[in-house]
Amino acid sequence: MAKKQKAQKTPKTASGEDTPPARGLSRKVKLLAGGALTFALVSVAGGGYLLAKTPPETAEAEHAAPAIPVPMPVASVAPSTQAGDYQIVSIFGDEAILATHNNLVRLKVGSTVPGLGTVKQIEVGANGGGAVIGTDATLRSL
């Protein structure tokens, strides 16, 4: 059984014509307009605050902050002191990359390395390995 809908009564004007139903702003439009108004008020208030701040106040605020030392202090890495602590990772041309348990070191002829001394020569091997010859020790790959 179909429900019957009630006929809505529309008010009539003095001349007897039906007036269209009044349409207000939807809730979404009201919320958007309120949000825009709030944003505008907050922006104006913030701009007024920034304009009212005098330069001497700004200078005092900048000098009150503690200075950060440059460069920042960092923990130093204790260098390896024995030639046996190094492993050859790769050798290419006149450069070599050696590894310790937590560090990589890039060497060239003339570099000074704890445990190896000053690098005198870097030899490239036939199998991709080679040797790093220093004043204190020689490091060879297998």
N, C-alpha and C. Protein backbone atom coordinates (compact mmCIF):
# COMPACT_ATOMS: atom_id res chain seq x y z
N MET A 1 0.82 -1.17 0.00
CA MET A 1 0.00 0.00 0.00
C MET A 1 0.87 1.24 0.00
N ALA A 2 0.69 2.14 -0.88
CA ALA A 2 1.49 3.34 -1.04
C ALA A 2 1.09 4.38 -0.02
N LYS A 3 2.10 5.09 0.44
CA LYS A 3 1.83 6.15 1.41
C LYS A 3 1.38 7.40 0.67
N LYS A 4 0.53 8.11 1.28
CA LYS A 4 0.08 9.37 0.70
C LYS A 4 0.92 10.49 1.26
N GLN A 5 1.35 11.34 0.38
CA GLN A 5 2.13 12.49 0.81
C GLN A 5 1.20 13.66 1.04
N LYS A 6 1.52 14.38 2.09
CA LYS A 6 0.71 15.55 2.40
C LYS A 6 1.09 16.67 1.45
N ALA A 7 0.13 17.34 0.99
CA ALA A 7 0.38 18.48 0.12
C ALA A 7 0.83 19.64 0.98
N GLN A 8 1.90 20.26 0.57
CA GLN A 8 2.39 21.39 1.34
C GLN A 8 1.62 22.64 0.94
N LYS A 9 1.27 23.36 1.95
CA LYS A 9 0.55 24.60 1.70
C LYS A 9 1.54 25.71 1.46
N THR A 10 1.37 26.39 0.38
CA THR A 10 2.24 27.52 0.09
C THR A 10 1.48 28.79 0.40
N PRO A 11 2.14 29.76 1.01
CA PRO A 11 1.45 31.01 1.33
C PRO A 11 1.12 31.78 0.06
N LYS A 12 0.06 32.51 0.14
CA LYS A 12 -0.39 33.27 -1.02
C LYS A 12 -0.14 34.75 -0.79
N THR A 13 0.14 35.44 -1.87
CA THR A 13 0.34 36.88 -1.78
C THR A 13 -1.01 37.58 -1.74
N ALA A 14 -0.98 38.89 -1.61
CA ALA A 14 -2.22 39.67 -1.55
C ALA A 14 -3.01 39.55 -2.83
N SER A 15 -2.32 39.32 -3.96
CA SER A 15 -3.02 39.22 -5.24
C SER A 15 -3.53 37.80 -5.48
N GLY A 16 -3.22 36.88 -4.57
CA GLY A 16 -3.71 35.53 -4.71
C GLY A 16 -2.76 34.56 -5.37
N GLU A 17 -1.54 35.00 -5.72
CA GLU A 17 -0.57 34.12 -6.35
C GLU A 17 0.21 33.35 -5.29
N ASP A 18 0.66 32.16 -5.69
CA ASP A 18 1.49 31.37 -4.78
C ASP A 18 2.89 31.98 -4.72
N THR A 19 3.45 32.06 -3.52
CA THR A 19 4.83 32.56 -3.38
C THR A 19 5.76 31.35 -3.39
N PRO A 20 6.92 31.50 -3.99
CA PRO A 20 7.86 30.38 -3.99
C PRO A 20 8.36 30.13 -2.57
N PRO A 21 8.68 28.89 -2.26
CA PRO A 21 9.16 28.61 -0.90
C PRO A 21 10.48 29.35 -0.64
N ALA A 22 10.65 29.81 0.59
CA ALA A 22 11.86 30.55 0.96
C ALA A 22 13.04 29.60 0.98
N ARG A 23 14.14 30.03 0.38
CA ARG A 23 15.33 29.18 0.35
C ARG A 23 16.43 29.91 1.11
N GLY A 24 16.92 29.29 2.17
CA GLY A 24 18.03 29.86 2.93
C GLY A 24 19.35 29.26 2.44
N LEU A 25 20.41 29.72 3.01
CA LEU A 25 21.72 29.19 2.66
C LEU A 25 21.87 27.79 3.26
N SER A 26 22.52 26.93 2.52
CA SER A 26 22.71 25.57 3.02
C SER A 26 23.73 25.59 4.17
N ARG A 27 23.76 24.52 4.91
CA ARG A 27 24.66 24.42 6.05
C ARG A 27 26.12 24.48 5.61
N LYS A 28 26.46 23.84 4.48
CA LYS A 28 27.83 23.85 3.98
C LYS A 28 28.28 25.27 3.66
N VAL A 29 27.40 26.04 3.03
CA VAL A 29 27.76 27.41 2.66
C VAL A 29 27.98 28.24 3.92
N LYS A 30 27.14 28.05 4.92
CA LYS A 30 27.29 28.79 6.17
C LYS A 30 28.61 28.44 6.85
N LEU A 31 28.99 27.15 6.86
CA LEU A 31 30.24 26.74 7.47
C LEU A 31 31.44 27.31 6.72
N LEU A 32 31.39 27.27 5.40
CA LEU A 32 32.49 27.81 4.60
C LEU A 32 32.64 29.31 4.81
N ALA A 33 31.52 30.02 4.86
CA ALA A 33 31.57 31.47 5.06
C ALA A 33 32.11 31.79 6.45
N GLY A 34 31.70 31.03 7.46
CA GLY A 34 32.20 31.24 8.82
C GLY A 34 33.68 30.95 8.91
N GLY A 35 34.13 29.88 8.24
CA GLY A 35 35.56 29.55 8.24
C GLY A 35 36.39 30.62 7.56
N ALA A 36 35.90 31.13 6.44
CA ALA A 36 36.61 32.19 5.72
C ALA A 36 36.70 33.46 6.57
N LEU A 37 35.61 33.79 7.26
CA LEU A 37 35.60 34.98 8.11
C LEU A 37 36.60 34.80 9.26
N THR A 38 36.61 33.63 9.86
CA THR A 38 37.53 33.37 10.97
C THR A 38 38.98 33.46 10.48
N PHE A 39 39.27 32.87 9.33
CA PHE A 39 40.62 32.93 8.76
C PHE A 39 41.03 34.38 8.51
N ALA A 40 40.12 35.17 7.96
CA ALA A 40 40.44 36.57 7.67
C ALA A 40 40.72 37.34 8.95
N LEU A 41 39.94 37.11 10.01
CA LEU A 41 40.15 37.81 11.27
C LEU A 41 41.48 37.42 11.91
N VAL A 42 41.79 36.14 11.89
CA VAL A 42 43.05 35.68 12.48
C VAL A 42 44.24 36.21 11.68
N SER A 43 44.13 36.24 10.36
CA SER A 43 45.21 36.76 9.53
C SER A 43 45.45 38.23 9.80
N VAL A 44 44.39 39.01 9.91
CA VAL A 44 44.52 40.44 10.18
C VAL A 44 45.14 40.65 11.55
N ALA A 45 44.71 39.88 12.54
CA ALA A 45 45.25 40.04 13.89
C ALA A 45 46.73 39.67 13.92
N GLY A 46 47.12 38.59 13.24
CA GLY A 46 48.53 38.20 13.19
C GLY A 46 49.38 39.22 12.46
N GLY A 47 48.87 39.77 11.37
CA GLY A 47 49.60 40.80 10.65
C GLY A 47 49.77 42.05 11.48
N GLY A 48 48.74 42.41 12.21
CA GLY A 48 48.82 43.57 13.10
C GLY A 48 49.86 43.37 14.19
N TYR A 49 49.95 42.15 14.70
CA TYR A 49 50.95 41.85 15.73
C TYR A 49 52.36 41.99 15.16
N LEU A 50 52.57 41.45 13.95
CA LEU A 50 53.90 41.52 13.35
C LEU A 50 54.28 42.96 13.01
N LEU A 51 53.31 43.76 12.57
CA LEU A 51 53.61 45.15 12.24
C LEU A 51 53.86 45.98 13.49
N ALA A 52 53.20 45.65 14.60
CA ALA A 52 53.34 46.42 15.83
C ALA A 52 54.64 46.11 16.54
N LYS A 53 55.31 45.00 16.23
CA LYS A 53 56.56 44.63 16.89
C LYS A 53 57.66 45.57 16.40
N THR A 54 58.31 46.22 17.32
CA THR A 54 59.33 47.20 16.96
C THR A 54 60.67 46.52 16.72
N PRO A 55 61.53 47.10 15.91
CA PRO A 55 62.85 46.50 15.65
C PRO A 55 63.70 46.27 16.90
N PRO A 56 63.71 47.15 17.91
CA PRO A 56 64.52 46.85 19.10
C PRO A 56 64.08 45.56 19.81
N GLU A 57 62.77 45.30 19.83
CA GLU A 57 62.28 44.06 20.45
C GLU A 57 62.79 42.85 19.68
N THR A 58 62.82 42.95 18.36
CA THR A 58 63.31 41.85 17.53
C THR A 58 64.78 41.61 17.79
N ALA A 59 65.57 42.68 17.90
CA ALA A 59 67.00 42.53 18.14
C ALA A 59 67.26 41.89 19.49
N GLU A 60 66.49 42.28 20.53
CA GLU A 60 66.66 41.69 21.85
C GLU A 60 66.32 40.21 21.83
N ALA A 61 65.28 39.83 21.11
CA ALA A 61 64.88 38.44 21.05
C ALA A 61 65.95 37.60 20.35
N GLU A 62 66.61 38.16 19.32
CA GLU A 62 67.64 37.42 18.60
C GLU A 62 68.88 37.23 19.46
N HIS A 63 69.25 38.24 20.27
CA HIS A 63 70.45 38.14 21.09
C HIS A 63 70.22 37.28 22.33
N ALA A 64 68.99 37.03 22.71
CA ALA A 64 68.70 36.24 23.89
C ALA A 64 68.91 34.75 23.65
N ALA A 65 68.82 34.30 22.41
CA ALA A 65 68.97 32.87 22.11
C ALA A 65 70.44 32.48 22.23
N PRO A 66 70.71 31.29 22.81
CA PRO A 66 72.10 30.86 22.94
C PRO A 66 72.68 30.52 21.57
N ALA A 67 73.92 30.86 21.37
CA ALA A 67 74.59 30.61 20.09
C ALA A 67 74.98 29.13 19.99
N ILE A 68 74.86 28.57 18.81
CA ILE A 68 75.25 27.19 18.57
C ILE A 68 76.70 27.19 18.08
N PRO A 69 77.56 26.41 18.72
CA PRO A 69 78.96 26.41 18.27
C PRO A 69 79.07 25.79 16.88
N VAL A 70 79.96 26.37 16.07
CA VAL A 70 80.15 25.87 14.70
C VAL A 70 81.59 25.45 14.58
N PRO A 71 81.92 24.33 14.11
CA PRO A 71 81.07 23.20 13.77
C PRO A 71 80.58 22.49 15.02
N MET A 72 79.51 21.73 14.84
CA MET A 72 78.93 21.00 15.97
C MET A 72 79.93 19.96 16.47
N PRO A 73 80.04 19.78 17.77
CA PRO A 73 80.96 18.76 18.29
C PRO A 73 80.44 17.35 18.00
N VAL A 74 81.33 16.49 17.59
CA VAL A 74 80.98 15.09 17.32
C VAL A 74 82.02 14.20 17.95
N ALA A 75 81.63 12.98 18.18
CA ALA A 75 82.56 12.01 18.76
C ALA A 75 83.59 11.64 17.71
N SER A 76 84.85 11.57 18.11
CA SER A 76 85.89 11.21 17.16
C SER A 76 85.97 9.69 17.06
N VAL A 77 86.32 9.21 15.87
CA VAL A 77 86.46 7.78 15.63
C VAL A 77 87.90 7.42 15.93
N ALA A 78 88.06 6.43 16.79
CA ALA A 78 89.42 5.99 17.11
C ALA A 78 89.99 5.22 15.93
N PRO A 79 91.09 5.68 15.35
CA PRO A 79 91.64 5.00 14.19
C PRO A 79 92.25 3.65 14.57
N SER A 80 92.27 2.76 13.61
CA SER A 80 92.89 1.46 13.80
C SER A 80 94.40 1.67 13.84
N THR A 81 95.09 0.91 14.67
CA THR A 81 96.52 1.11 14.80
C THR A 81 97.34 -0.08 14.32
N GLN A 82 96.71 -1.14 13.86
CA GLN A 82 97.43 -2.31 13.39
C GLN A 82 97.09 -2.58 11.94
N ALA A 83 98.05 -3.05 11.17
CA ALA A 83 97.81 -3.36 9.77
C ALA A 83 96.83 -4.51 9.62
N GLY A 84 96.78 -5.42 10.58
CA GLY A 84 95.87 -6.56 10.51
C GLY A 84 94.41 -6.19 10.68
N ASP A 85 94.14 -4.97 11.12
CA ASP A 85 92.76 -4.52 11.28
C ASP A 85 92.12 -4.12 9.96
N TYR A 86 92.90 -3.98 8.89
CA TYR A 86 92.40 -3.54 7.60
C TYR A 86 92.16 -4.72 6.67
N GLN A 87 91.18 -4.56 5.77
CA GLN A 87 90.95 -5.50 4.67
C GLN A 87 90.84 -4.69 3.39
N ILE A 88 91.39 -5.22 2.31
CA ILE A 88 91.28 -4.54 1.03
C ILE A 88 89.90 -4.81 0.44
N VAL A 89 89.14 -3.77 0.17
CA VAL A 89 87.83 -3.90 -0.45
C VAL A 89 87.97 -3.85 -1.96
N SER A 90 88.68 -2.84 -2.46
CA SER A 90 88.91 -2.76 -3.91
C SER A 90 90.15 -1.91 -4.18
N ILE A 91 90.76 -2.21 -5.31
CA ILE A 91 91.90 -1.45 -5.78
C ILE A 91 91.62 -1.06 -7.22
N PHE A 92 91.78 0.21 -7.53
CA PHE A 92 91.57 0.67 -8.91
C PHE A 92 92.53 1.81 -9.17
N GLY A 93 93.33 1.64 -10.21
CA GLY A 93 94.30 2.67 -10.56
C GLY A 93 95.29 2.89 -9.44
N ASP A 94 95.42 4.13 -9.02
CA ASP A 94 96.33 4.45 -7.92
C ASP A 94 95.60 4.70 -6.61
N GLU A 95 94.39 4.15 -6.48
CA GLU A 95 93.60 4.31 -5.26
C GLU A 95 93.17 2.95 -4.73
N ALA A 96 92.95 2.89 -3.43
CA ALA A 96 92.48 1.66 -2.79
C ALA A 96 91.45 2.02 -1.73
N ILE A 97 90.50 1.13 -1.51
CA ILE A 97 89.52 1.28 -0.43
C ILE A 97 89.76 0.14 0.54
N LEU A 98 90.03 0.50 1.79
CA LEU A 98 90.25 -0.47 2.86
C LEU A 98 89.10 -0.38 3.84
N ALA A 99 88.81 -1.51 4.50
CA ALA A 99 87.72 -1.56 5.47
C ALA A 99 88.25 -1.99 6.82
N THR A 100 87.72 -1.38 7.89
CA THR A 100 87.93 -1.86 9.24
C THR A 100 86.60 -2.43 9.71
N HIS A 101 86.50 -2.79 10.96
CA HIS A 101 85.24 -3.38 11.43
C HIS A 101 84.07 -2.41 11.39
N ASN A 102 84.32 -1.10 11.36
CA ASN A 102 83.20 -0.14 11.33
C ASN A 102 83.47 1.08 10.46
N ASN A 103 84.43 1.01 9.56
CA ASN A 103 84.79 2.20 8.80
C ASN A 103 85.36 1.81 7.43
N LEU A 104 85.22 2.68 6.45
CA LEU A 104 85.87 2.54 5.15
C LEU A 104 86.89 3.66 5.00
N VAL A 105 88.05 3.33 4.41
CA VAL A 105 89.12 4.30 4.24
C VAL A 105 89.53 4.30 2.77
N ARG A 106 89.58 5.47 2.16
CA ARG A 106 90.03 5.59 0.77
C ARG A 106 91.46 6.11 0.79
N LEU A 107 92.36 5.41 0.11
CA LEU A 107 93.78 5.73 0.13
C LEU A 107 94.29 6.06 -1.25
N LYS A 108 95.30 6.90 -1.29
CA LYS A 108 96.09 7.19 -2.50
C LYS A 108 97.55 7.09 -2.10
N VAL A 109 98.39 7.04 -3.08
CA VAL A 109 99.82 7.04 -2.80
C VAL A 109 100.15 8.36 -2.10
N GLY A 110 100.84 8.24 -0.97
CA GLY A 110 101.18 9.42 -0.18
C GLY A 110 100.30 9.59 1.05
N SER A 111 99.17 8.85 1.15
CA SER A 111 98.30 8.93 2.31
C SER A 111 98.99 8.31 3.52
N THR A 112 98.71 8.84 4.70
CA THR A 112 99.25 8.29 5.94
C THR A 112 98.13 7.56 6.66
N VAL A 113 98.40 6.28 6.99
CA VAL A 113 97.39 5.43 7.62
C VAL A 113 98.00 4.82 8.88
N PRO A 114 97.31 4.91 10.03
CA PRO A 114 97.84 4.27 11.24
C PRO A 114 98.01 2.77 11.03
N GLY A 115 99.16 2.25 11.38
CA GLY A 115 99.44 0.83 11.22
C GLY A 115 100.14 0.50 9.92
N LEU A 116 99.88 1.24 8.85
CA LEU A 116 100.54 1.02 7.56
C LEU A 116 101.63 2.05 7.30
N GLY A 117 101.52 3.19 7.90
CA GLY A 117 102.46 4.28 7.65
C GLY A 117 102.05 5.06 6.41
N THR A 118 103.01 5.63 5.74
CA THR A 118 102.74 6.37 4.51
C THR A 118 102.69 5.39 3.35
N VAL A 119 101.64 5.48 2.54
CA VAL A 119 101.46 4.56 1.41
C VAL A 119 102.46 4.94 0.32
N LYS A 120 103.33 3.98 -0.02
CA LYS A 120 104.36 4.21 -1.03
C LYS A 120 103.91 3.75 -2.42
N GLN A 121 103.15 2.64 -2.44
CA GLN A 121 102.76 2.07 -3.74
C GLN A 121 101.46 1.28 -3.56
N ILE A 122 100.63 1.31 -4.62
CA ILE A 122 99.42 0.49 -4.67
C ILE A 122 99.53 -0.36 -5.92
N GLU A 123 99.55 -1.68 -5.74
CA GLU A 123 99.71 -2.62 -6.86
C GLU A 123 98.38 -3.29 -7.15
N VAL A 124 98.04 -3.37 -8.43
CA VAL A 124 96.82 -4.06 -8.86
C VAL A 124 97.20 -5.48 -9.23
N GLY A 125 96.50 -6.48 -8.65
CA GLY A 125 96.79 -7.88 -8.93
C GLY A 125 96.04 -8.37 -10.15
N ALA A 126 96.43 -9.53 -10.65
CA ALA A 126 95.81 -10.11 -11.85
C ALA A 126 94.40 -10.61 -11.57
N ASN A 127 94.10 -11.03 -10.36
CA ASN A 127 92.79 -11.60 -10.03
C ASN A 127 91.82 -10.57 -9.45
N GLY A 128 92.14 -9.31 -9.59
CA GLY A 128 91.26 -8.27 -9.05
C GLY A 128 91.69 -7.80 -7.69
N GLY A 129 92.62 -8.49 -7.05
CA GLY A 129 93.14 -8.09 -5.75
C GLY A 129 94.29 -7.15 -5.93
N GLY A 130 95.24 -7.23 -5.00
CA GLY A 130 96.42 -6.40 -5.11
C GLY A 130 97.08 -6.22 -3.78
N ALA A 131 97.88 -5.19 -3.67
CA ALA A 131 98.62 -4.92 -2.44
C ALA A 131 98.73 -3.42 -2.21
N VAL A 132 98.74 -3.05 -0.94
CA VAL A 132 98.97 -1.68 -0.52
C VAL A 132 100.28 -1.71 0.26
N ILE A 133 101.30 -1.06 -0.24
CA ILE A 133 102.62 -1.10 0.35
C ILE A 133 102.85 0.24 1.08
N GLY A 134 103.07 0.13 2.40
CA GLY A 134 103.33 1.30 3.21
C GLY A 134 104.71 1.25 3.78
N THR A 135 105.11 2.31 4.51
CA THR A 135 106.42 2.36 5.12
C THR A 135 106.53 1.41 6.30
N ASP A 136 105.42 1.14 7.01
CA ASP A 136 105.44 0.28 8.19
C ASP A 136 104.98 -1.15 7.91
N ALA A 137 104.14 -1.36 6.92
CA ALA A 137 103.61 -2.69 6.63
C ALA A 137 103.11 -2.77 5.21
N THR A 138 102.89 -4.01 4.74
CA THR A 138 102.32 -4.26 3.42
C THR A 138 101.05 -5.05 3.61
N LEU A 139 99.99 -4.64 2.95
CA LEU A 139 98.69 -5.32 3.04
C LEU A 139 98.39 -5.93 1.69
N ARG A 140 98.20 -7.26 1.65
CA ARG A 140 97.94 -7.97 0.39
C ARG A 140 96.58 -8.67 0.46
N SER A 141 95.89 -8.70 -0.67
CA SER A 141 94.64 -9.47 -0.74
C SER A 141 94.96 -10.87 -1.24
N LEU A 142 94.14 -11.82 -0.91
CA LEU A 142 94.37 -13.21 -1.31
C LEU A 142 93.87 -13.49 -2.69
